């Protein structure tokens, strides 16, 4: 039975292909890491520090987002920032 051998010019092509794939994957991973770091930075921002997050009364910040709410006796307006007195009968 005859053993199959790689041709001499195929090995350098394979090596070059592997090097190119490693460079491409390395570049992709670099961007993935940069994007993840940017996401982490956004998640760490407390939006309530600046002008109470635009909320009229209560601002709650979590995972890069803020949420407005109102004190008892008030309800949140349609703009999700303003608070209006609840009318009692």
PDB file of N, CA and C in Angstrom:
ATOM      1  N   UNK A   1       0.850  -1.182   0.000  1.00  0.00           N
ATOM      2  CA  UNK A   1       0.000   0.000   0.000  1.00  0.00           C
ATOM      3  C   UNK A   1       0.888   1.234   0.000  1.00  0.00           C
ATOM      4  N   UNK A   2       0.563   2.144  -0.832  1.00  0.00           N
ATOM      5  CA  UNK A   2       1.380   3.341  -1.015  1.00  0.00           C
ATOM      6  C   UNK A   2       0.927   4.457  -0.086  1.00  0.00           C
ATOM      7  N   UNK A   3       1.864   5.103   0.625  1.00  0.00           N
ATOM      8  CA  UNK A   3       1.542   6.223   1.508  1.00  0.00           C
ATOM      9  C   UNK A   3       1.384   7.491   0.689  1.00  0.00           C
ATOM     10  N   UNK A   4       0.360   8.262   1.029  1.00  0.00           N
ATOM     11  CA  UNK A   4       0.151   9.542   0.339  1.00  0.00           C
ATOM     12  C   UNK A   4       0.980  10.592   1.035  1.00  0.00           C
ATOM     13  N   UNK A   5       1.601  11.443   0.267  1.00  0.00           N
ATOM     14  CA  UNK A   5       2.434  12.509   0.819  1.00  0.00           C
ATOM     15  C   UNK A   5       1.911  13.843   0.324  1.00  0.00           C
ATOM     16  N   UNK A   6       2.108  14.853   1.160  1.00  0.00           N
ATOM     17  CA  UNK A   6       1.763  16.212   0.747  1.00  0.00           C
ATOM     18  C   UNK A   6       2.763  16.675  -0.300  1.00  0.00           C
ATOM     19  N   UNK A   7       2.276  17.413  -1.254  1.00  0.00           N
ATOM     20  CA  UNK A   7       3.223  17.988  -2.206  1.00  0.00           C
ATOM     21  C   UNK A   7       3.997  19.087  -1.496  1.00  0.00           C
ATOM     22  N   UNK A   8       5.185  19.352  -1.946  1.00  0.00           N
ATOM     23  CA  UNK A   8       6.063  20.313  -1.275  1.00  0.00           C
ATOM     24  C   UNK A   8       5.497  21.724  -1.275  1.00  0.00           C
ATOM     25  N   UNK A   9       4.725  22.089  -2.274  1.00  0.00           N
ATOM     26  CA  UNK A   9       4.172  23.451  -2.306  1.00  0.00           C
ATOM     27  C   UNK A   9       2.872  23.580  -1.509  1.00  0.00           C
ATOM     28  N   UNK A  10       2.269  22.464  -1.124  1.00  0.00           N
ATOM     29  CA  UNK A  10       1.032  22.519  -0.361  1.00  0.00           C
ATOM     30  C   UNK A  10       1.281  22.906   1.099  1.00  0.00           C
ATOM     31  N   UNK A  11       2.369  22.441   1.684  1.00  0.00           N
ATOM     32  CA  UNK A  11       2.671  22.718   3.089  1.00  0.00           C
ATOM     33  C   UNK A  11       2.835  24.220   3.344  1.00  0.00           C
ATOM     34  N   UNK A  12       3.613  24.942   2.563  1.00  0.00           N
ATOM     35  CA  UNK A  12       3.706  26.399   2.799  1.00  0.00           C
ATOM     36  C   UNK A  12       2.357  27.103   2.644  1.00  0.00           C
ATOM     37  N   UNK A  13       1.539  26.639   1.714  1.00  0.00           N
ATOM     38  CA  UNK A  13       0.205  27.237   1.541  1.00  0.00           C
ATOM     39  C   UNK A  13      -0.649  27.004   2.780  1.00  0.00           C
ATOM     40  N   UNK A  14      -0.576  25.802   3.321  1.00  0.00           N
ATOM     41  CA  UNK A  14      -1.330  25.510   4.541  1.00  0.00           C
ATOM     42  C   UNK A  14      -0.847  26.373   5.699  1.00  0.00           C
ATOM     43  N   UNK A  15       0.439  26.511   5.830  1.00  0.00           N
ATOM     44  CA  UNK A  15       1.002  27.328   6.904  1.00  0.00           C
ATOM     45  C   UNK A  15       0.563  28.778   6.751  1.00  0.00           C
ATOM     46  N   UNK A  16       0.619  29.300   5.549  1.00  0.00           N
ATOM     47  CA  UNK A  16       0.199  30.681   5.298  1.00  0.00           C
ATOM     48  C   UNK A  16      -1.297  30.840   5.592  1.00  0.00           C
ATOM     49  N   UNK A  17      -2.092  29.863   5.188  1.00  0.00           N
ATOM     50  CA  UNK A  17      -3.537  29.914   5.457  1.00  0.00           C
ATOM     51  C   UNK A  17      -3.814  29.920   6.954  1.00  0.00           C
ATOM     52  N   UNK A  18      -3.098  29.101   7.694  1.00  0.00           N
ATOM     53  CA  UNK A  18      -3.278  29.043   9.149  1.00  0.00           C
ATOM     54  C   UNK A  18      -2.871  30.359   9.790  1.00  0.00           C
ATOM     55  N   UNK A  19      -1.782  30.936   9.343  1.00  0.00           N
ATOM     56  CA  UNK A  19      -1.333  32.224   9.882  1.00  0.00           C
ATOM     57  C   UNK A  19      -2.373  33.305   9.605  1.00  0.00           C
ATOM     58  N   UNK A  20      -2.904  33.331   8.395  1.00  0.00           N
ATOM     59  CA  UNK A  20      -3.920  34.330   8.039  1.00  0.00           C
ATOM     60  C   UNK A  20      -5.170  34.143   8.901  1.00  0.00           C
ATOM     61  N   UNK A  21      -5.604  32.894   9.097  1.00  0.00           N
ATOM     62  CA  UNK A  21      -6.776  32.637   9.939  1.00  0.00           C
ATOM     63  C   UNK A  21      -6.530  33.097  11.370  1.00  0.00           C
ATOM     64  N   UNK A  22      -5.340  32.864  11.886  1.00  0.00           N
ATOM     65  CA  UNK A  22      -5.016  33.297  13.248  1.00  0.00           C
ATOM     66  C   UNK A  22      -5.045  34.822  13.354  1.00  0.00           C
ATOM     67  N   UNK A  23      -4.507  35.499  12.343  1.00  0.00           N
ATOM     68  CA  UNK A  23      -4.520  36.964  12.353  1.00  0.00           C
ATOM     69  C   UNK A  23      -5.942  37.502  12.296  1.00  0.00           C
ATOM     70  N   UNK A  24      -6.771  36.912  11.458  1.00  0.00           N
ATOM     71  CA  UNK A  24      -8.166  37.347  11.343  1.00  0.00           C
ATOM     72  C   UNK A  24      -8.903  37.095  12.652  1.00  0.00           C
ATOM     73  N   UNK A  25      -8.757  35.901  13.210  1.00  0.00           N
ATOM     74  CA  UNK A  25      -9.420  35.598  14.477  1.00  0.00           C
ATOM     75  C   UNK A  25      -8.909  36.498  15.597  1.00  0.00           C
ATOM     76  N   UNK A  26      -7.618  36.787  15.604  1.00  0.00           N
ATOM     77  CA  UNK A  26      -7.054  37.689  16.610  1.00  0.00           C
ATOM     78  C   UNK A  26      -7.644  39.079  16.496  1.00  0.00           C
ATOM     79  N   UNK A  27      -7.812  39.556  15.270  1.00  0.00           N
ATOM     80  CA  UNK A  27      -8.409  40.872  15.039  1.00  0.00           C
ATOM     81  C   UNK A  27      -9.862  40.884  15.499  1.00  0.00           C
ATOM     82  N   UNK A  28     -10.600  39.838  15.172  1.00  0.00           N
ATOM     83  CA  UNK A  28     -11.996  39.746  15.594  1.00  0.00           C
ATOM     84  C   UNK A  28     -12.085  39.734  17.113  1.00  0.00           C
ATOM     85  N   UNK A  29     -11.246  38.943  17.765  1.00  0.00           N
ATOM     86  CA  UNK A  29     -11.268  38.869  19.225  1.00  0.00           C
ATOM     87  C   UNK A  29     -10.911  40.214  19.861  1.00  0.00           C
ATOM     88  N   UNK A  30      -9.982  40.943  19.242  1.00  0.00           N
ATOM     89  CA  UNK A  30      -9.629  42.269  19.749  1.00  0.00           C
ATOM     90  C   UNK A  30     -10.853  43.183  19.741  1.00  0.00           C
ATOM     91  N   UNK A  31     -11.618  43.158  18.646  1.00  0.00           N
ATOM     92  CA  UNK A  31     -12.818  43.987  18.573  1.00  0.00           C
ATOM     93  C   UNK A  31     -13.890  43.516  19.550  1.00  0.00           C
ATOM     94  N   UNK A  32     -14.029  42.213  19.714  1.00  0.00           N
ATOM     95  CA  UNK A  32     -15.001  41.687  20.674  1.00  0.00           C
ATOM     96  C   UNK A  32     -14.657  42.178  22.078  1.00  0.00           C
ATOM     97  N   UNK A  33     -13.392  42.140  22.436  1.00  0.00           N
ATOM     98  CA  UNK A  33     -12.958  42.607  23.753  1.00  0.00           C
ATOM     99  C   UNK A  33     -13.222  44.095  23.908  1.00  0.00           C
ATOM    100  N   UNK A  34     -12.932  44.887  22.870  1.00  0.00           N
ATOM    101  CA  UNK A  34     -13.179  46.334  22.931  1.00  0.00           C
ATOM    102  C   UNK A  34     -14.666  46.630  23.094  1.00  0.00           C
ATOM    103  N   UNK A  35     -15.507  45.915  22.380  1.00  0.00           N
ATOM    104  CA  UNK A  35     -16.953  46.122  22.482  1.00  0.00           C
ATOM    105  C   UNK A  35     -17.435  45.740  23.879  1.00  0.00           C
ATOM    106  N   UNK A  36     -16.939  44.634  24.401  1.00  0.00           N
ATOM    107  CA  UNK A  36     -17.341  44.201  25.751  1.00  0.00           C
ATOM    108  C   UNK A  36     -16.933  45.231  26.795  1.00  0.00           C
ATOM    109  N   UNK A  37     -15.723  45.787  26.656  1.00  0.00           N
ATOM    110  CA  UNK A  37     -15.277  46.813  27.596  1.00  0.00           C
ATOM    111  C   UNK A  37     -16.149  48.060  27.493  1.00  0.00           C
ATOM    112  N   UNK A  38     -16.549  48.417  26.274  1.00  0.00           N
ATOM    113  CA  UNK A  38     -17.421  49.584  26.086  1.00  0.00           C
ATOM    114  C   UNK A  38     -18.781  49.332  26.728  1.00  0.00           C
ATOM    115  N   UNK A  39     -19.296  48.120  26.584  1.00  0.00           N
ATOM    116  CA  UNK A  39     -20.576  47.781  27.207  1.00  0.00           C
ATOM    117  C   UNK A  39     -20.454  47.845  28.720  1.00  0.00           C
ATOM    118  N   UNK A  40     -19.364  47.309  29.253  1.00  0.00           N
ATOM    119  CA  UNK A  40     -19.145  47.358  30.697  1.00  0.00           C
ATOM    120  C   UNK A  40     -19.078  48.799  31.200  1.00  0.00           C
ATOM    121  N   UNK A  41     -18.442  49.677  30.426  1.00  0.00           N
ATOM    122  CA  UNK A  41     -18.327  51.081  30.824  1.00  0.00           C
ATOM    123  C   UNK A  41     -19.704  51.739  30.864  1.00  0.00           C
ATOM    124  N   UNK A  42     -20.552  51.415  29.891  1.00  0.00           N
ATOM    125  CA  UNK A  42     -21.899  51.974  29.861  1.00  0.00           C
ATOM    126  C   UNK A  42     -22.702  51.466  31.051  1.00  0.00           C
ATOM    127  N   UNK A  43     -22.541  50.185  31.370  1.00  0.00           N
ATOM    128  CA  UNK A  43     -23.289  49.607  32.481  1.00  0.00           C
ATOM    129  C   UNK A  43     -22.909  50.244  33.811  1.00  0.00           C
ATOM    130  N   UNK A  44     -21.698  50.760  33.912  1.00  0.00           N
ATOM    131  CA  UNK A  44     -21.233  51.326  35.166  1.00  0.00           C
ATOM    132  C   UNK A  44     -21.668  52.782  35.377  1.00  0.00           C
ATOM    133  N   UNK A  45     -22.261  53.418  34.372  1.00  0.00           N
ATOM    134  CA  UNK A  45     -22.649  54.822  34.464  1.00  0.00           C
ATOM    135  C   UNK A  45     -23.919  54.951  35.301  1.00  0.00           C
ATOM    136  N   UNK A  46     -23.897  55.872  36.246  1.00  0.00           N
ATOM    137  CA  UNK A  46     -25.084  56.158  37.055  1.00  0.00           C
ATOM    138  C   UNK A  46     -25.773  57.377  36.439  1.00  0.00           C
ATOM    139  N   UNK A  47     -26.835  57.139  35.698  1.00  0.00           N
ATOM    140  CA  UNK A  47     -27.537  58.211  34.989  1.00  0.00           C
ATOM    141  C   UNK A  47     -28.288  59.140  35.939  1.00  0.00           C
ATOM    142  N   UNK A  48     -28.523  58.702  37.151  1.00  0.00           N
ATOM    143  CA  UNK A  48     -29.271  59.517  38.104  1.00  0.00           C
ATOM    144  C   UNK A  48     -28.438  60.653  38.697  1.00  0.00           C
ATOM    145  N   UNK A  49     -27.126  60.578  38.557  1.00  0.00           N
ATOM    146  CA  UNK A  49     -26.248  61.610  39.126  1.00  0.00           C
ATOM    147  C   UNK A  49     -26.451  62.941  38.401  1.00  0.00           C
ATOM    148  N   UNK A  50     -26.620  62.891  37.096  1.00  0.00           N
ATOM    149  CA  UNK A  50     -26.776  64.105  36.290  1.00  0.00           C
ATOM    150  C   UNK A  50     -28.247  64.511  36.230  1.00  0.00           C
ATOM    151  N   UNK A  51     -28.597  65.599  36.897  1.00  0.00           N
ATOM    152  CA  UNK A  51     -29.949  66.172  36.894  1.00  0.00           C
ATOM    153  C   UNK A  51     -31.021  65.136  37.232  1.00  0.00           C
ATOM    154  N   UNK A  52     -30.705  64.263  38.165  1.00  0.00           N
ATOM    155  CA  UNK A  52     -31.636  63.238  38.641  1.00  0.00           C
ATOM    156  C   UNK A  52     -32.151  62.369  37.494  1.00  0.00           C
ATOM    157  N   UNK A  53     -31.325  62.190  36.468  1.00  0.00           N
ATOM    158  CA  UNK A  53     -31.697  61.343  35.335  1.00  0.00           C
ATOM    159  C   UNK A  53     -32.858  61.886  34.526  1.00  0.00           C
ATOM    160  N   UNK A  54     -33.201  63.162  34.735  1.00  0.00           N
ATOM    161  CA  UNK A  54     -34.349  63.759  34.049  1.00  0.00           C
ATOM    162  C   UNK A  54     -35.664  63.483  34.758  1.00  0.00           C
ATOM    163  N   UNK A  55     -35.595  62.765  35.875  1.00  0.00           N
ATOM    164  CA  UNK A  55     -36.807  62.418  36.627  1.00  0.00           C
ATOM    165  C   UNK A  55     -37.243  63.577  37.512  1.00  0.00           C
ATOM    166  N   UNK A  56     -38.536  63.763  37.619  1.00  0.00           N
ATOM    167  CA  UNK A  56     -39.056  64.833  38.468  1.00  0.00           C
ATOM    168  C   UNK A  56     -38.862  64.519  39.947  1.00  0.00           C
ATOM    169  N   UNK A  57     -39.056  63.250  40.333  1.00  0.00           N
ATOM    170  CA  UNK A  57     -38.950  62.910  41.756  1.00  0.00           C
ATOM    171  C   UNK A  57     -37.863  61.863  42.041  1.00  0.00           C
ATOM    172  N   UNK A  58     -38.111  60.618  41.716  1.00  0.00           N
ATOM    173  CA  UNK A  58     -37.191  59.539  42.095  1.00  0.00           C
ATOM    174  C   UNK A  58     -36.543  58.932  40.853  1.00  0.00           C
ATOM    175  N   UNK A  59     -35.222  58.800  40.905  1.00  0.00           N
ATOM    176  CA  UNK A  59     -34.477  58.160  39.825  1.00  0.00           C
ATOM    177  C   UNK A  59     -33.753  56.940  40.395  1.00  0.00           C
ATOM    178  N   UNK A  60     -33.916  55.802  39.732  1.00  0.00           N
ATOM    179  CA  UNK A  60     -33.229  54.578  40.117  1.00  0.00           C
ATOM    180  C   UNK A  60     -32.374  54.143  38.940  1.00  0.00           C
ATOM    181  N   UNK A  61     -31.077  53.957  39.169  1.00  0.00           N
ATOM    182  CA  UNK A  61     -30.151  53.585  38.109  1.00  0.00           C
ATOM    183  C   UNK A  61     -29.699  52.141  38.311  1.00  0.00           C
ATOM    184  N   UNK A  62     -29.690  51.385  37.213  1.00  0.00           N
ATOM    185  CA  UNK A  62     -29.224  50.001  37.269  1.00  0.00           C
ATOM    186  C   UNK A  62     -28.757  49.565  35.884  1.00  0.00           C
ATOM    187  N   UNK A  63     -27.640  48.871  35.833  1.00  0.00           N
ATOM    188  CA  UNK A  63     -27.072  48.305  34.607  1.00  0.00           C
ATOM    189  C   UNK A  63     -27.066  49.287  33.440  1.00  0.00           C
ATOM    190  N   UNK A  64     -26.690  50.518  33.696  1.00  0.00           N
ATOM    191  CA  UNK A  64     -26.565  51.495  32.618  1.00  0.00           C
ATOM    192  C   UNK A  64     -27.861  52.172  32.220  1.00  0.00           C
ATOM    193  N   UNK A  65     -28.944  51.836  32.867  1.00  0.00           N
ATOM    194  CA  UNK A  65     -30.235  52.440  32.558  1.00  0.00           C
ATOM    195  C   UNK A  65     -30.778  53.136  33.794  1.00  0.00           C
ATOM    196  N   UNK A  66     -31.711  54.051  33.572  1.00  0.00           N
ATOM    197  CA  UNK A  66     -32.355  54.708  34.714  1.00  0.00           C
ATOM    198  C   UNK A  66     -33.866  54.549  34.583  1.00  0.00           C
ATOM    199  N   UNK A  67     -34.519  54.603  35.727  1.00  0.00           N
ATOM    200  CA  UNK A  67     -35.963  54.454  35.766  1.00  0.00           C
ATOM    201  C   UNK A  67     -36.519  55.516  36.706  1.00  0.00           C
ATOM    202  N   UNK A  68     -37.541  56.217  36.264  1.00  0.00           N
ATOM    203  CA  UNK A  68     -38.169  57.238  37.095  1.00  0.00           C
ATOM    204  C   UNK A  68     -39.372  56.653  37.815  1.00  0.00           C
ATOM    205  N   UNK A  69     -39.609  57.151  39.016  1.00  0.00           N
ATOM    206  CA  UNK A  69     -40.801  56.775  39.769  1.00  0.00           C
ATOM    207  C   UNK A  69     -41.223  57.975  40.610  1.00  0.00           C
ATOM    208  N   UNK A  70     -42.373  57.833  41.259  1.00  0.00           N
ATOM    209  CA  UNK A  70     -42.938  58.960  42.008  1.00  0.00           C
ATOM    210  C   UNK A  70     -43.165  58.580  43.470  1.00  0.00           C
ATOM    211  N   UNK A  71     -43.255  59.612  44.276  1.00  0.00           N
ATOM    212  CA  UNK A  71     -43.546  59.448  45.697  1.00  0.00           C
ATOM    213  C   UNK A  71     -45.000  59.023  45.873  1.00  0.00           C
ATOM    214  N   UNK A  72     -45.330  58.461  47.042  1.00  0.00           N
ATOM    215  CA  UNK A  72     -46.734  58.112  47.297  1.00  0.00           C
ATOM    216  C   UNK A  72     -47.635  59.336  47.122  1.00  0.00           C
ATOM    217  N   UNK A  73     -48.781  59.120  46.498  1.00  0.00           N
ATOM    218  CA  UNK A  73     -49.720  60.215  46.242  1.00  0.00           C
ATOM    219  C   UNK A  73     -49.535  60.834  44.865  1.00  0.00           C
ATOM    220  N   UNK A  74     -48.555  60.354  44.124  1.00  0.00           N
ATOM    221  CA  UNK A  74     -48.289  60.846  42.767  1.00  0.00           C
ATOM    222  C   UNK A  74     -48.270  59.663  41.812  1.00  0.00           C
ATOM    223  N   UNK A  75     -48.503  59.963  40.527  1.00  0.00           N
ATOM    224  CA  UNK A  75     -48.386  58.923  39.508  1.00  0.00           C
ATOM    225  C   UNK A  75     -47.457  59.420  38.403  1.00  0.00           C
ATOM    226  N   UNK A  76     -46.810  58.478  37.763  1.00  0.00           N
ATOM    227  CA  UNK A  76     -45.854  58.791  36.697  1.00  0.00           C
ATOM    228  C   UNK A  76     -46.607  59.188  35.438  1.00  0.00           C
ATOM    229  N   UNK A  77     -46.148  60.263  34.811  1.00  0.00           N
ATOM    230  CA  UNK A  77     -46.786  60.758  33.600  1.00  0.00           C
ATOM    231  C   UNK A  77     -46.428  59.934  32.378  1.00  0.00           C
ATOM    232  N   UNK A  78     -47.082  60.221  31.268  1.00  0.00           N
ATOM    233  CA  UNK A  78     -46.868  59.472  30.027  1.00  0.00           C
ATOM    234  C   UNK A  78     -45.455  59.657  29.474  1.00  0.00           C
ATOM    235  N   UNK A  79     -44.779  60.745  29.888  1.00  0.00           N
ATOM    236  CA  UNK A  79     -43.400  60.948  29.440  1.00  0.00           C
ATOM    237  C   UNK A  79     -42.410  60.103  30.236  1.00  0.00           C
ATOM    238  N   UNK A  80     -42.918  59.362  31.233  1.00  0.00           N
ATOM    239  CA  UNK A  80     -42.131  58.464  32.078  1.00  0.00           C
ATOM    240  C   UNK A  80     -41.100  59.200  32.933  1.00  0.00           C
ATOM    241  N   UNK A  81     -41.298  60.534  33.096  1.00  0.00           N
ATOM    242  CA  UNK A  81     -40.377  61.337  33.899  1.00  0.00           C
ATOM    243  C   UNK A  81     -41.102  62.250  34.882  1.00  0.00           C
ATOM    244  N   UNK A  82     -42.250  62.771  34.460  1.00  0.00           N
ATOM    245  CA  UNK A  82     -43.025  63.713  35.279  1.00  0.00           C
ATOM    246  C   UNK A  82     -43.928  62.963  36.250  1.00  0.00           C
ATOM    247  N   UNK A  83     -44.224  63.634  37.364  1.00  0.00           N
ATOM    248  CA  UNK A  83     -45.126  63.066  38.361  1.00  0.00           C
ATOM    249  C   UNK A  83     -46.332  63.986  38.539  1.00  0.00           C
ATOM    250  N   UNK A  84     -47.513  63.398  38.640  1.00  0.00           N
ATOM    251  CA  UNK A  84     -48.745  64.147  38.789  1.00  0.00           C
ATOM    252  C   UNK A  84     -49.469  63.694  40.035  1.00  0.00           C
ATOM    253  N   UNK A  85     -50.111  64.639  40.709  1.00  0.00           N
ATOM    254  CA  UNK A  85     -50.865  64.328  41.920  1.00  0.00           C
ATOM    255  C   UNK A  85     -52.037  63.419  41.576  1.00  0.00           C
ATOM    256  N   UNK A  86     -52.200  62.387  42.382  1.00  0.00           N
ATOM    257  CA  UNK A  86     -53.347  61.498  42.206  1.00  0.00           C
ATOM    258  C   UNK A  86     -54.555  62.187  42.826  1.00  0.00           C
ATOM    259  N   UNK A  87     -55.610  62.377  42.035  1.00  0.00           N
ATOM    260  CA  UNK A  87     -56.831  63.037  42.523  1.00  0.00           C
ATOM    261  C   UNK A  87     -57.611  62.046  43.370  1.00  0.00           C
ATOM    262  N   UNK A  88     -58.002  62.493  44.524  1.00  0.00           N
ATOM    263  CA  UNK A  88     -58.818  61.648  45.407  1.00  0.00           C
ATOM    264  C   UNK A  88     -60.250  62.157  45.402  1.00  0.00           C
ATOM    265  N   UNK A  89     -61.192  61.250  45.535  1.00  0.00           N
ATOM    266  CA  UNK A  89     -62.607  61.626  45.486  1.00  0.00           C
ATOM    267  C   UNK A  89     -63.129  62.077  46.822  1.00  0.00           C
TER     268      UNK A  89
END
